[in-house]
Amino acid sequence: MTTDKSKEKFPANPVERHDTAAWRGHIESVKPQSNVPIPSEESVHNAKEWVDTNSLS
C-alpha cells in the first residue's frame, strides 16, 4: 500500500489573511496571558458597519 506523503511535506497555505482584517485596525491592549488583542471601540463599530453593509440578506 502506497501512502501519499506530499501533503505532509507541503502543508496547505492558510485561506484567511488576518493582516487586512477590520478587527486589527486599532488594538488598544493585549490580554496578558492569552495574547488576545482587544480592539478599540471605533474598530468594533467599523467592523459591525462593514458586516451590516456587506451582508447577503
C-alpha atoms as a PDB file:
ATOM      1  CA  MET A   1       0.000   0.000   0.000  1.00  0.00           C
ATOM      2  CA  THR A   2       1.417   3.348  -1.043  1.00  0.00           C
ATOM      3  CA  THR A   3       0.815   6.434   1.052  1.00  0.00           C
ATOM      4  CA  ASP A   4       0.907   9.938  -0.339  1.00  0.00           C
ATOM      5  CA  LYS A   5       3.450  11.883   1.716  1.00  0.00           C
ATOM      6  CA  SER A   6       3.275  15.079  -0.360  1.00  0.00           C
ATOM      7  CA  LYS A   7       0.628  16.585   1.924  1.00  0.00           C
ATOM      8  CA  GLU A   8       2.933  16.131   4.881  1.00  0.00           C
ATOM      9  CA  LYS A   9       5.846  17.815   3.086  1.00  0.00           C
ATOM     10  CA  PHE A  10       3.850  20.727   1.659  1.00  0.00           C
ATOM     11  CA  PRO A  11       1.112  21.836   4.058  1.00  0.00           C
ATOM     12  CA  ALA A  12      -1.647  23.952   2.524  1.00  0.00           C
ATOM     13  CA  ASN A  13      -1.370  27.710   2.792  1.00  0.00           C
ATOM     14  CA  PRO A  14      -3.991  29.284   5.048  1.00  0.00           C
ATOM     15  CA  VAL A  15      -7.007  30.682   3.202  1.00  0.00           C
ATOM     16  CA  GLU A  16      -7.600  33.589   5.560  1.00  0.00           C
ATOM     17  CA  ARG A  17      -5.440  36.672   5.735  1.00  0.00           C
ATOM     18  CA  HIS A  18      -5.761  38.438   9.049  1.00  0.00           C
ATOM     19  CA  ASP A  19      -3.400  41.304   8.297  1.00  0.00           C
ATOM     20  CA  THR A  20      -6.199  43.194   6.496  1.00  0.00           C
ATOM     21  CA  ALA A  21      -8.996  42.262   8.890  1.00  0.00           C
ATOM     22  CA  ALA A  22     -11.193  45.007  10.283  1.00  0.00           C
ATOM     23  CA  TRP A  23     -10.612  43.963  13.875  1.00  0.00           C
ATOM     24  CA  ARG A  24      -6.867  44.577  13.545  1.00  0.00           C
ATOM     25  CA  GLY A  25      -7.327  48.299  12.911  1.00  0.00           C
ATOM     26  CA  HIS A  26      -6.572  49.812  16.300  1.00  0.00           C
ATOM     27  CA  ILE A  27      -5.581  47.417  19.040  1.00  0.00           C
ATOM     28  CA  GLU A  28      -5.961  49.115  22.408  1.00  0.00           C
ATOM     29  CA  SER A  29      -4.425  46.399  24.540  1.00  0.00           C
ATOM     30  CA  VAL A  30      -3.491  42.733  24.680  1.00  0.00           C
ATOM     31  CA  LYS A  31      -4.614  40.240  27.316  1.00  0.00           C
ATOM     32  CA  PRO A  32      -1.505  39.317  29.303  1.00  0.00           C
ATOM     33  CA  GLN A  33      -1.761  35.524  29.470  1.00  0.00           C
ATOM     34  CA  SER A  34      -3.599  34.680  26.251  1.00  0.00           C
ATOM     35  CA  ASN A  35      -2.133  37.405  23.964  1.00  0.00           C
ATOM     36  CA  VAL A  36      -5.653  38.174  22.680  1.00  0.00           C
ATOM     37  CA  PRO A  37      -5.838  41.665  21.131  1.00  0.00           C
ATOM     38  CA  ILE A  38      -8.584  43.982  22.412  1.00  0.00           C
ATOM     39  CA  PRO A  39      -9.728  46.332  19.604  1.00  0.00           C
ATOM     40  CA  SER A  40     -10.766  49.937  20.107  1.00  0.00           C
ATOM     41  CA  GLU A  41     -14.452  50.826  20.176  1.00  0.00           C
ATOM     42  CA  GLU A  42     -14.047  52.577  16.823  1.00  0.00           C
ATOM     43  CA  SER A  43     -12.656  49.387  15.244  1.00  0.00           C
ATOM     44  CA  VAL A  44     -15.582  47.366  16.579  1.00  0.00           C
ATOM     45  CA  HIS A  45     -18.030  49.929  15.196  1.00  0.00           C
ATOM     46  CA  ASN A  46     -16.317  49.931  11.780  1.00  0.00           C
ATOM     47  CA  ALA A  47     -16.312  46.125  11.637  1.00  0.00           C
ATOM     48  CA  LYS A  48     -20.026  45.971  12.533  1.00  0.00           C
ATOM     49  CA  GLU A  49     -20.844  48.619   9.932  1.00  0.00           C
ATOM     50  CA  TRP A  50     -18.889  46.674   7.278  1.00  0.00           C
ATOM     51  CA  VAL A  51     -20.733  43.434   8.139  1.00  0.00           C
ATOM     52  CA  ASP A  52     -24.135  45.140   8.077  1.00  0.00           C
ATOM     53  CA  THR A  53     -23.388  46.781   4.732  1.00  0.00           C
ATOM     54  CA  ASN A  54     -21.963  43.703   3.040  1.00  0.00           C
ATOM     55  CA  SER A  55     -24.345  41.045   4.326  1.00  0.00           C
ATOM     56  CA  LEU A  56     -26.013  38.762   1.792  1.00  0.00           C
ATOM     57  CA  SER A  57     -29.541  39.211   3.092  1.00  0.00           C
END
